[in-house]
Amino acid sequence: MTYEESLKQLEDIVRKMEAGDYSIDELAEKLTLAQQLISQCKEKLSKSDTEIKKILEKS
């Protein structure tokens, strides 16, 4: 899953949470998924940051 896909899915979860669209059982499941998506996004951003720094150092 790309960063953009993960972020869109996370945004959808937040929007539905704010609207109260989830039951308590669904909410627990979606919170777990949101945590996983946040971790994935952080990891991808960190990896991109590292790659950019390497490219800039070569310049």
C-alpha atoms as a PDB file:
ATOM      1  CA  MET A   1       0.000   0.000   0.000  1.00  0.00           C
ATOM      2  CA  THR A   2       1.357   3.409  -0.924  1.00  0.00           C
ATOM      3  CA  TYR A   3       1.679   6.309   1.504  1.00  0.00           C
ATOM      4  CA  GLU A   4      -1.198   8.077  -0.222  1.00  0.00           C
ATOM      5  CA  GLU A   5      -3.460   5.007   0.033  1.00  0.00           C
ATOM      6  CA  SER A   6      -2.627   4.569   3.716  1.00  0.00           C
ATOM      7  CA  LEU A   7      -3.279   8.234   4.411  1.00  0.00           C
ATOM      8  CA  LYS A   8      -6.607   8.183   2.536  1.00  0.00           C
ATOM      9  CA  GLN A   9      -7.738   5.122   4.475  1.00  0.00           C
ATOM     10  CA  LEU A  10      -6.705   6.790   7.729  1.00  0.00           C
ATOM     11  CA  GLU A  11      -8.595   9.952   6.795  1.00  0.00           C
ATOM     12  CA  ASP A  12     -11.704   7.881   5.995  1.00  0.00           C
ATOM     13  CA  ILE A  13     -11.519   6.183   9.394  1.00  0.00           C
ATOM     14  CA  VAL A  14     -11.166   9.518  11.203  1.00  0.00           C
ATOM     15  CA  ARG A  15     -14.049  11.053   9.257  1.00  0.00           C
ATOM     16  CA  LYS A  16     -16.340   8.124  10.103  1.00  0.00           C
ATOM     17  CA  MET A  17     -15.249   8.179  13.757  1.00  0.00           C
ATOM     18  CA  GLU A  18     -16.050  11.875  14.001  1.00  0.00           C
ATOM     19  CA  ALA A  19     -19.439  11.256  12.392  1.00  0.00           C
ATOM     20  CA  GLY A  20     -20.190   8.445  14.850  1.00  0.00           C
ATOM     21  CA  ASP A  21     -20.604   5.884  12.071  1.00  0.00           C
ATOM     22  CA  TYR A  22     -18.951   3.021  13.958  1.00  0.00           C
ATOM     23  CA  SER A  23     -20.376   0.773  16.633  1.00  0.00           C
ATOM     24  CA  ILE A  24     -18.261   0.177  19.740  1.00  0.00           C
ATOM     25  CA  ASP A  25     -17.003  -3.125  18.306  1.00  0.00           C
ATOM     26  CA  GLU A  26     -16.146  -1.528  14.968  1.00  0.00           C
ATOM     27  CA  LEU A  27     -14.504   1.398  16.722  1.00  0.00           C
ATOM     28  CA  ALA A  28     -12.025  -0.845  18.526  1.00  0.00           C
ATOM     29  CA  GLU A  29     -11.187  -2.587  15.262  1.00  0.00           C
ATOM     30  CA  LYS A  30     -10.797   0.688  13.358  1.00  0.00           C
ATOM     31  CA  LEU A  31      -8.601   2.181  16.090  1.00  0.00           C
ATOM     32  CA  THR A  32      -6.248  -0.779  15.756  1.00  0.00           C
ATOM     33  CA  LEU A  33      -6.201  -0.369  11.986  1.00  0.00           C
ATOM     34  CA  ALA A  34      -5.605   3.383  12.357  1.00  0.00           C
ATOM     35  CA  GLN A  35      -2.593   2.709  14.598  1.00  0.00           C
ATOM     36  CA  GLN A  36      -1.171   0.350  11.972  1.00  0.00           C
ATOM     37  CA  LEU A  37      -1.737   2.897   9.209  1.00  0.00           C
ATOM     38  CA  ILE A  38      -0.052   5.634  11.244  1.00  0.00           C
ATOM     39  CA  SER A  39       2.961   3.376  11.789  1.00  0.00           C
ATOM     40  CA  GLN A  40       3.137   2.589   8.069  1.00  0.00           C
ATOM     41  CA  CYS A  41       2.952   6.270   7.155  1.00  0.00           C
ATOM     42  CA  LYS A  42       5.659   7.207   9.666  1.00  0.00           C
ATOM     43  CA  GLU A  43       7.896   4.436   8.369  1.00  0.00           C
ATOM     44  CA  LYS A  44       7.437   5.494   4.744  1.00  0.00           C
ATOM     45  CA  LEU A  45       8.112   9.155   5.591  1.00  0.00           C
ATOM     46  CA  SER A  46      11.218   8.234   7.542  1.00  0.00           C
ATOM     47  CA  LYS A  47      12.502   6.079   4.696  1.00  0.00           C
ATOM     48  CA  SER A  48      11.847   8.846   2.175  1.00  0.00           C
ATOM     49  CA  ASP A  49      13.581  11.376   4.416  1.00  0.00           C
ATOM     50  CA  THR A  50      16.642   9.142   4.662  1.00  0.00           C
ATOM     51  CA  GLU A  51      16.744   8.643   0.885  1.00  0.00           C
ATOM     52  CA  ILE A  52      16.431  12.391   0.254  1.00  0.00           C
ATOM     53  CA  LYS A  53      19.255  13.139   2.698  1.00  0.00           C
ATOM     54  CA  LYS A  54      21.489  10.611   0.914  1.00  0.00           C
ATOM     55  CA  ILE A  55      20.740  12.204  -2.444  1.00  0.00           C
ATOM     56  CA  LEU A  56      21.442  15.700  -1.113  1.00  0.00           C
ATOM     57  CA  GLU A  57      24.728  14.571   0.432  1.00  0.00           C
ATOM     58  CA  LYS A  58      25.909  13.320  -2.963  1.00  0.00           C
ATOM     59  CA  SER A  59      25.218  16.691  -4.571  1.00  0.00           C
END
